Amino acid sequence: MKDRGTPPPRCHTGVIKSGIAGTVRRLLENNLSPVVRPWDLPELQRRAAGLVEVSSARVVSVDENVLVAELLPSAQRIVFRGVDDEWRLVRFADGDDVSIPPETTRLELRGSAPDSVLAALGVTRPDKVALEVVSEYLGEGETRTCYRYQWSEDGRSILAEEVKNEVYDGATPYSTYVRGVIIDSDGGVLLTGKDDSARIIEG
């Protein structure tokens, strides 16, 4: 059994160095999209575009959840979140602030989807936004139907939907899941769930 005080594998020196080196390379190549949250990407790309030169990077601080590295010679700092056995870039530090918000919250969904998704996200739907229903035949008797609200306002994009998969064979029960996404200039929120429970990931 692993000791309570044993650091996770991502805190090993080799993993830290590899994570920083790979991220710096992606920063310079403008290829961050496969390894960061979509709501973090626009601001990271904007800040990366202002980098004149990056010759190397060094570790400033690290604990089990947060890694801070400094880009040289500019001395700009980048902040990573510990995720499983790796480090994921979250943002450029602003001054001495290297904090990152809690990422995951579990909650109970109340009401019918996708309205329950909006309620969980604390979003009020404008009256002009109507429910969209989109069905797609997937083959072999399976159909996917999406019940969706989607709109943009005040610089943010909002999506709330319920997806229902049905197989018309008389034996297979249908399945449903819900999803909600908010993306704005400061970050984003992703909600995923099924039945009456969901998880919110903030970034």
C-alpha atoms as a PDB file:
ATOM      1  CA  MET A   1       0.000   0.000   0.000  1.00  0.00           C
ATOM      2  CA  LYS A   2       1.343   3.444  -0.886  1.00  0.00           C
ATOM      3  CA  ASP A   3       2.361   5.641   2.073  1.00  0.00           C
ATOM      4  CA  ARG A   4       0.149   8.648   2.681  1.00  0.00           C
ATOM      5  CA  GLY A   5       3.164  10.936   2.359  1.00  0.00           C
ATOM      6  CA  THR A   6       4.404   9.499  -0.941  1.00  0.00           C
ATOM      7  CA  PRO A   7       4.253  12.142  -3.684  1.00  0.00           C
ATOM      8  CA  PRO A   8       2.451  11.202  -6.921  1.00  0.00           C
ATOM      9  CA  PRO A   9       4.546  10.168  -9.945  1.00  0.00           C
ATOM     10  CA  ARG A  10       4.063  13.585 -11.577  1.00  0.00           C
ATOM     11  CA  CYS A  11       6.240  15.101  -8.823  1.00  0.00           C
ATOM     12  CA  HIS A  12       9.281  13.106  -9.932  1.00  0.00           C
ATOM     13  CA  THR A  13      12.032  15.262 -11.392  1.00  0.00           C
ATOM     14  CA  GLY A  14      12.022  13.568 -14.787  1.00  0.00           C
ATOM     15  CA  VAL A  15       8.258  13.990 -15.227  1.00  0.00           C
ATOM     16  CA  ILE A  16       8.450  17.662 -14.235  1.00  0.00           C
ATOM     17  CA  LYS A  17      11.310  18.425 -16.624  1.00  0.00           C
ATOM     18  CA  SER A  18       9.627  16.547 -19.465  1.00  0.00           C
ATOM     19  CA  GLY A  19       6.328  18.322 -18.854  1.00  0.00           C
ATOM     20  CA  ILE A  20       7.898  21.763 -18.885  1.00  0.00           C
ATOM     21  CA  ALA A  21      10.040  21.060 -21.953  1.00  0.00           C
ATOM     22  CA  GLY A  22       7.097  19.681 -23.921  1.00  0.00           C
ATOM     23  CA  THR A  23       4.892  22.614 -22.996  1.00  0.00           C
ATOM     24  CA  VAL A  24       7.531  25.193 -23.940  1.00  0.00           C
ATOM     25  CA  ARG A  25       7.940  23.486 -27.294  1.00  0.00           C
ATOM     26  CA  ARG A  26       4.197  23.586 -27.906  1.00  0.00           C
ATOM     27  CA  LEU A  27       4.070  27.239 -26.836  1.00  0.00           C
ATOM     28  CA  LEU A  28       6.658  28.162 -29.432  1.00  0.00           C
ATOM     29  CA  GLU A  29       5.022  26.006 -32.115  1.00  0.00           C
ATOM     30  CA  ASN A  30       1.523  27.377 -31.334  1.00  0.00           C
ATOM     31  CA  ASN A  31       0.333  23.807 -30.808  1.00  0.00           C
ATOM     32  CA  LEU A  32      -1.215  23.885 -27.343  1.00  0.00           C
ATOM     33  CA  SER A  33      -4.742  22.813 -28.278  1.00  0.00           C
ATOM     34  CA  PRO A  34      -4.210  19.037 -27.768  1.00  0.00           C
ATOM     35  CA  VAL A  35      -2.930  19.471 -24.208  1.00  0.00           C
ATOM     36  CA  VAL A  36      -4.915  22.318 -22.578  1.00  0.00           C
ATOM     37  CA  ARG A  37      -8.550  22.956 -21.740  1.00  0.00           C
ATOM     38  CA  PRO A  38     -10.375  24.699 -24.613  1.00  0.00           C
ATOM     39  CA  TRP A  39     -11.341  27.655 -22.417  1.00  0.00           C
ATOM     40  CA  ASP A  40      -7.696  28.216 -21.422  1.00  0.00           C
ATOM     41  CA  LEU A  41      -6.443  28.162 -25.017  1.00  0.00           C
ATOM     42  CA  PRO A  42      -7.306  31.687 -26.301  1.00  0.00           C
ATOM     43  CA  GLU A  43      -5.559  33.514 -23.439  1.00  0.00           C
ATOM     44  CA  LEU A  44      -2.567  31.170 -23.549  1.00  0.00           C
ATOM     45  CA  GLN A  45      -2.196  31.756 -27.281  1.00  0.00           C
ATOM     46  CA  ARG A  46      -2.464  35.512 -26.785  1.00  0.00           C
ATOM     47  CA  ARG A  47       0.238  35.547 -24.116  1.00  0.00           C
ATOM     48  CA  ALA A  48       2.448  33.147 -26.054  1.00  0.00           C
ATOM     49  CA  ALA A  49       2.298  35.416 -29.101  1.00  0.00           C
ATOM     50  CA  GLY A  50       3.982  38.116 -27.035  1.00  0.00           C
ATOM     51  CA  LEU A  51       6.998  35.985 -26.209  1.00  0.00           C
ATOM     52  CA  VAL A  52      10.056  37.415 -27.984  1.00  0.00           C
ATOM     53  CA  GLU A  53      12.474  34.667 -27.039  1.00  0.00           C
ATOM     54  CA  VAL A  54      12.532  31.536 -24.903  1.00  0.00           C
ATOM     55  CA  SER A  55      15.945  29.991 -24.426  1.00  0.00           C
ATOM     56  CA  SER A  56      15.077  27.726 -21.497  1.00  0.00           C
ATOM     57  CA  ALA A  57      12.776  27.286 -18.498  1.00  0.00           C
ATOM     58  CA  ARG A  58      13.314  26.483 -14.844  1.00  0.00           C
ATOM     59  CA  VAL A  59      11.173  25.216 -11.985  1.00  0.00           C
ATOM     60  CA  VAL A  60      10.196  27.930  -9.503  1.00  0.00           C
ATOM     61  CA  SER A  61       7.982  25.890  -7.199  1.00  0.00           C
ATOM     62  CA  VAL A  62       6.120  22.608  -7.134  1.00  0.00           C
ATOM     63  CA  ASP A  63       3.747  20.778  -4.833  1.00  0.00           C
ATOM     64  CA  GLU A  64       1.341  17.910  -5.474  1.00  0.00           C
ATOM     65  CA  ASN A  65      -1.154  20.090  -7.328  1.00  0.00           C
ATOM     66  CA  VAL A  66       0.586  23.166  -8.727  1.00  0.00           C
ATOM     67  CA  LEU A  67       3.798  23.565 -10.706  1.00  0.00           C
ATOM     68  CA  VAL A  68       5.233  26.984 -11.515  1.00  0.00           C
ATOM     69  CA  ALA A  69       7.960  27.410 -14.138  1.00  0.00           C
ATOM     70  CA  GLU A  70       9.821  30.501 -15.301  1.00  0.00           C
ATOM     71  CA  LEU A  71      10.580  31.158 -18.956  1.00  0.00           C
ATOM     72  CA  LEU A  72      14.027  32.590 -19.638  1.00  0.00           C
ATOM     73  CA  PRO A  73      15.224  35.202 -20.362  1.00  0.00           C
ATOM     74  CA  SER A  74      11.828  36.973 -20.076  1.00  0.00           C
ATOM     75  CA  ALA A  75      11.197  35.717 -16.505  1.00  0.00           C
ATOM     76  CA  GLN A  76       7.502  35.186 -17.338  1.00  0.00           C
ATOM     77  CA  ARG A  77       5.980  32.432 -15.249  1.00  0.00           C
ATOM     78  CA  ILE A  78       3.577  29.723 -16.340  1.00  0.00           C
ATOM     79  CA  VAL A  79       1.314  27.719 -14.037  1.00  0.00           C
ATOM     80  CA  PHE A  80       0.456  24.024 -14.379  1.00  0.00           C
ATOM     81  CA  ARG A  81      -2.222  21.924 -12.704  1.00  0.00           C
ATOM     82  CA  GLY A  82      -1.396  18.389 -11.630  1.00  0.00           C
ATOM     83  CA  VAL A  83      -3.646  15.933 -13.482  1.00  0.00           C
ATOM     84  CA  ASP A  84      -3.172  12.196 -12.899  1.00  0.00           C
ATOM     85  CA  ASP A  85       0.510  11.497 -13.692  1.00  0.00           C
ATOM     86  CA  GLU A  86       1.075  14.653 -15.739  1.00  0.00           C
ATOM     87  CA  TRP A  87       1.073  18.448 -15.616  1.00  0.00           C
ATOM     88  CA  ARG A  88      -1.374  20.519 -17.676  1.00  0.00           C
ATOM     89  CA  LEU A  89      -0.687  24.166 -18.489  1.00  0.00           C
ATOM     90  CA  VAL A  90      -3.422  26.461 -17.138  1.00  0.00           C
ATOM     91  CA  ARG A  91      -2.235  30.042 -17.483  1.00  0.00           C
ATOM     92  CA  PHE A  92       0.526  32.627 -17.396  1.00  0.00           C
ATOM     93  CA  ALA A  93       1.083  34.013 -13.906  1.00  0.00           C
ATOM     94  CA  ASP A  94       0.170  37.628 -13.221  1.00  0.00           C
ATOM     95  CA  GLY A  95       2.702  39.077 -10.819  1.00  0.00           C
ATOM     96  CA  ASP A  96       3.009  36.921  -7.732  1.00  0.00           C
ATOM     97  CA  ASP A  97      -0.402  35.295  -8.240  1.00  0.00           C
ATOM     98  CA  VAL A  98       0.177  31.660  -9.191  1.00  0.00           C
ATOM     99  CA  SER A  99      -3.085  30.301  -7.791  1.00  0.00           C
ATOM    100  CA  ILE A 100      -5.439  28.048  -9.735  1.00  0.00           C
ATOM    101  CA  PRO A 101      -9.112  27.519  -8.872  1.00  0.00           C
ATOM    102  CA  PRO A 102     -10.566  24.185  -7.714  1.00  0.00           C
ATOM    103  CA  GLU A 103     -11.440  22.205 -10.795  1.00  0.00           C
ATOM    104  CA  THR A 104     -14.079  19.590 -10.016  1.00  0.00           C
ATOM    105  CA  THR A 105     -17.430  19.785  -8.225  1.00  0.00           C
ATOM    106  CA  ARG A 106     -20.071  17.055  -8.012  1.00  0.00           C
ATOM    107  CA  LEU A 107     -23.729  17.992  -7.727  1.00  0.00           C
ATOM    108  CA  GLU A 108     -27.288  16.758  -8.133  1.00  0.00           C
ATOM    109  CA  LEU A 109     -29.339  17.736 -11.172  1.00  0.00           C
ATOM    110  CA  ARG A 110     -32.904  18.887 -10.552  1.00  0.00           C
ATOM    111  CA  GLY A 111     -35.630  19.154 -13.174  1.00  0.00           C
ATOM    112  CA  SER A 112     -35.662  18.138 -16.811  1.00  0.00           C
ATOM    113  CA  ALA A 113     -32.659  18.437 -19.120  1.00  0.00           C
ATOM    114  CA  PRO A 114     -31.357  20.609 -20.669  1.00  0.00           C
ATOM    115  CA  ASP A 115     -33.018  23.107 -18.303  1.00  0.00           C
ATOM    116  CA  SER A 116     -31.480  21.286 -15.338  1.00  0.00           C
ATOM    117  CA  VAL A 117     -28.035  21.881 -16.878  1.00  0.00           C
ATOM    118  CA  LEU A 118     -28.637  25.627 -17.073  1.00  0.00           C
ATOM    119  CA  ALA A 119     -29.879  25.625 -13.473  1.00  0.00           C
ATOM    120  CA  ALA A 120     -26.765  23.781 -12.294  1.00  0.00           C
ATOM    121  CA  LEU A 121     -24.546  26.264 -14.127  1.00  0.00           C
ATOM    122  CA  GLY A 122     -26.448  29.215 -12.714  1.00  0.00           C
ATOM    123  CA  VAL A 123     -27.386  30.513 -16.169  1.00  0.00           C
ATOM    124  CA  THR A 124     -30.686  32.093 -17.145  1.00  0.00           C
ATOM    125  CA  ARG A 125     -31.810  31.405 -20.697  1.00  0.00           C
ATOM    126  CA  PRO A 126     -33.026  34.430 -22.669  1.00  0.00           C
ATOM    127  CA  ASP A 127     -36.636  34.114 -23.834  1.00  0.00           C
ATOM    128  CA  LYS A 128     -35.558  34.390 -27.464  1.00  0.00           C
ATOM    129  CA  VAL A 129     -33.444  31.226 -27.255  1.00  0.00           C
ATOM    130  CA  ALA A 130     -35.538  28.262 -28.357  1.00  0.00           C
ATOM    131  CA  LEU A 131     -34.943  24.567 -27.820  1.00  0.00           C
ATOM    132  CA  GLU A 132     -33.183  22.888 -30.749  1.00  0.00           C
ATOM    133  CA  VAL A 133     -33.903  19.225 -31.487  1.00  0.00           C
ATOM    134  CA  VAL A 134     -31.457  17.445 -33.791  1.00  0.00           C
ATOM    135  CA  SER A 135     -31.701  13.741 -34.644  1.00  0.00           C
ATOM    136  CA  GLU A 136     -29.059  11.626 -36.360  1.00  0.00           C
ATOM    137  CA  TYR A 137     -29.295   8.019 -37.521  1.00  0.00           C
ATOM    138  CA  LEU A 138     -26.086   6.178 -36.561  1.00  0.00           C
ATOM    139  CA  GLY A 139     -26.815   2.910 -38.332  1.00  0.00           C
ATOM    140  CA  GLU A 140     -27.833  -0.564 -37.157  1.00  0.00           C
ATOM    141  CA  GLY A 141     -31.089   0.774 -35.746  1.00  0.00           C
ATOM    142  CA  GLU A 142     -29.455   3.360 -33.482  1.00  0.00           C
ATOM    143  CA  THR A 143     -30.554   6.993 -33.375  1.00  0.00           C
ATOM    144  CA  ARG A 144     -29.051   9.909 -31.456  1.00  0.00           C
ATOM    145  CA  THR A 145     -31.252  12.880 -30.556  1.00  0.00           C
ATOM    146  CA  CYS A 146     -29.925  16.117 -29.040  1.00  0.00           C
ATOM    147  CA  TYR A 147     -32.140  18.545 -27.133  1.00  0.00           C
ATOM    148  CA  ARG A 148     -30.090  21.728 -27.007  1.00  0.00           C
ATOM    149  CA  TYR A 149     -29.949  25.360 -25.968  1.00  0.00           C
ATOM    150  CA  GLN A 150     -27.076  27.333 -27.470  1.00  0.00           C
ATOM    151  CA  TRP A 151     -26.350  31.060 -27.594  1.00  0.00           C
ATOM    152  CA  SER A 152     -23.741  33.788 -27.050  1.00  0.00           C
ATOM    153  CA  GLU A 153     -24.047  36.878 -24.871  1.00  0.00           C
ATOM    154  CA  ASP A 154     -21.759  39.387 -23.147  1.00  0.00           C
ATOM    155  CA  GLY A 155     -18.618  37.826 -24.581  1.00  0.00           C
ATOM    156  CA  ARG A 156     -19.377  34.255 -23.572  1.00  0.00           C
ATOM    157  CA  SER A 157     -20.732  31.188 -25.385  1.00  0.00           C
ATOM    158  CA  ILE A 158     -23.196  28.849 -23.671  1.00  0.00           C
ATOM    159  CA  LEU A 159     -24.314  25.316 -24.542  1.00  0.00           C
ATOM    160  CA  ALA A 160     -26.668  23.059 -22.584  1.00  0.00           C
ATOM    161  CA  GLU A 161     -27.886  19.786 -24.024  1.00  0.00           C
ATOM    162  CA  GLU A 162     -29.310  16.370 -23.353  1.00  0.00           C
ATOM    163  CA  VAL A 163     -28.269  13.550 -25.695  1.00  0.00           C
ATOM    164  CA  LYS A 164     -30.454  10.471 -26.016  1.00  0.00           C
ATOM    165  CA  ASN A 165     -29.297   7.290 -27.763  1.00  0.00           C
ATOM    166  CA  GLU A 166     -31.937   4.753 -28.755  1.00  0.00           C
ATOM    167  CA  VAL A 167     -31.635   1.365 -30.437  1.00  0.00           C
ATOM    168  CA  TYR A 168     -34.921   0.246 -31.968  1.00  0.00           C
ATOM    169  CA  ASP A 169     -34.544  -3.505 -31.492  1.00  0.00           C
ATOM    170  CA  GLY A 170     -37.183  -3.985 -28.814  1.00  0.00           C
ATOM    171  CA  ALA A 171     -34.602  -5.083 -26.236  1.00  0.00           C
ATOM    172  CA  THR A 172     -31.909  -2.418 -25.745  1.00  0.00           C
ATOM    173  CA  PRO A 173     -32.843   0.355 -23.286  1.00  0.00           C
ATOM    174  CA  TYR A 174     -32.149   3.917 -24.319  1.00  0.00           C
ATOM    175  CA  SER A 175     -29.370   5.910 -22.643  1.00  0.00           C
ATOM    176  CA  THR A 176     -29.033   9.627 -21.976  1.00  0.00           C
ATOM    177  CA  TYR A 177     -26.363  12.017 -20.807  1.00  0.00           C
ATOM    178  CA  VAL A 178     -26.171  15.782 -20.373  1.00  0.00           C
ATOM    179  CA  ARG A 179     -23.508  18.341 -21.154  1.00  0.00           C
ATOM    180  CA  GLY A 180     -23.060  22.026 -20.486  1.00  0.00           C
ATOM    181  CA  VAL A 181     -20.285  24.349 -21.618  1.00  0.00           C
ATOM    182  CA  ILE A 182     -19.566  28.001 -20.855  1.00  0.00           C
ATOM    183  CA  ILE A 183     -16.584  29.684 -22.499  1.00  0.00           C
ATOM    184  CA  ASP A 184     -15.617  33.291 -21.912  1.00  0.00           C
ATOM    185  CA  SER A 185     -12.504  35.454 -21.893  1.00  0.00           C
ATOM    186  CA  ASP A 186     -11.617  34.541 -18.298  1.00  0.00           C
ATOM    187  CA  GLY A 187     -11.977  30.764 -18.525  1.00  0.00           C
ATOM    188  CA  GLY A 188     -14.731  28.244 -18.772  1.00  0.00           C
ATOM    189  CA  VAL A 189     -16.929  25.603 -17.217  1.00  0.00           C
ATOM    190  CA  LEU A 190     -17.711  22.079 -18.417  1.00  0.00           C
ATOM    191  CA  LEU A 191     -20.604  20.053 -16.979  1.00  0.00           C
ATOM    192  CA  THR A 192     -21.093  16.371 -17.737  1.00  0.00           C
ATOM    193  CA  GLY A 193     -23.566  13.984 -16.196  1.00  0.00           C
ATOM    194  CA  LYS A 194     -26.204  11.293 -16.465  1.00  0.00           C
ATOM    195  CA  ASP A 195     -29.280  10.302 -14.526  1.00  0.00           C
ATOM    196  CA  ASP A 196     -29.580  12.849 -11.690  1.00  0.00           C
ATOM    197  CA  SER A 197     -25.904  13.552 -10.992  1.00  0.00           C
ATOM    198  CA  ALA A 198     -23.249  15.613 -12.728  1.00  0.00           C
ATOM    199  CA  ARG A 199     -19.718  16.878 -12.440  1.00  0.00           C
ATOM    200  CA  ILE A 200     -18.592  20.445 -13.095  1.00  0.00           C
ATOM    201  CA  ILE A 201     -15.023  21.152 -14.187  1.00  0.00           C
ATOM    202  CA  GLU A 202     -13.906  24.758 -13.896  1.00  0.00           C
ATOM    203  CA  GLY A 203     -10.914  26.354 -15.473  1.00  0.00           C
END
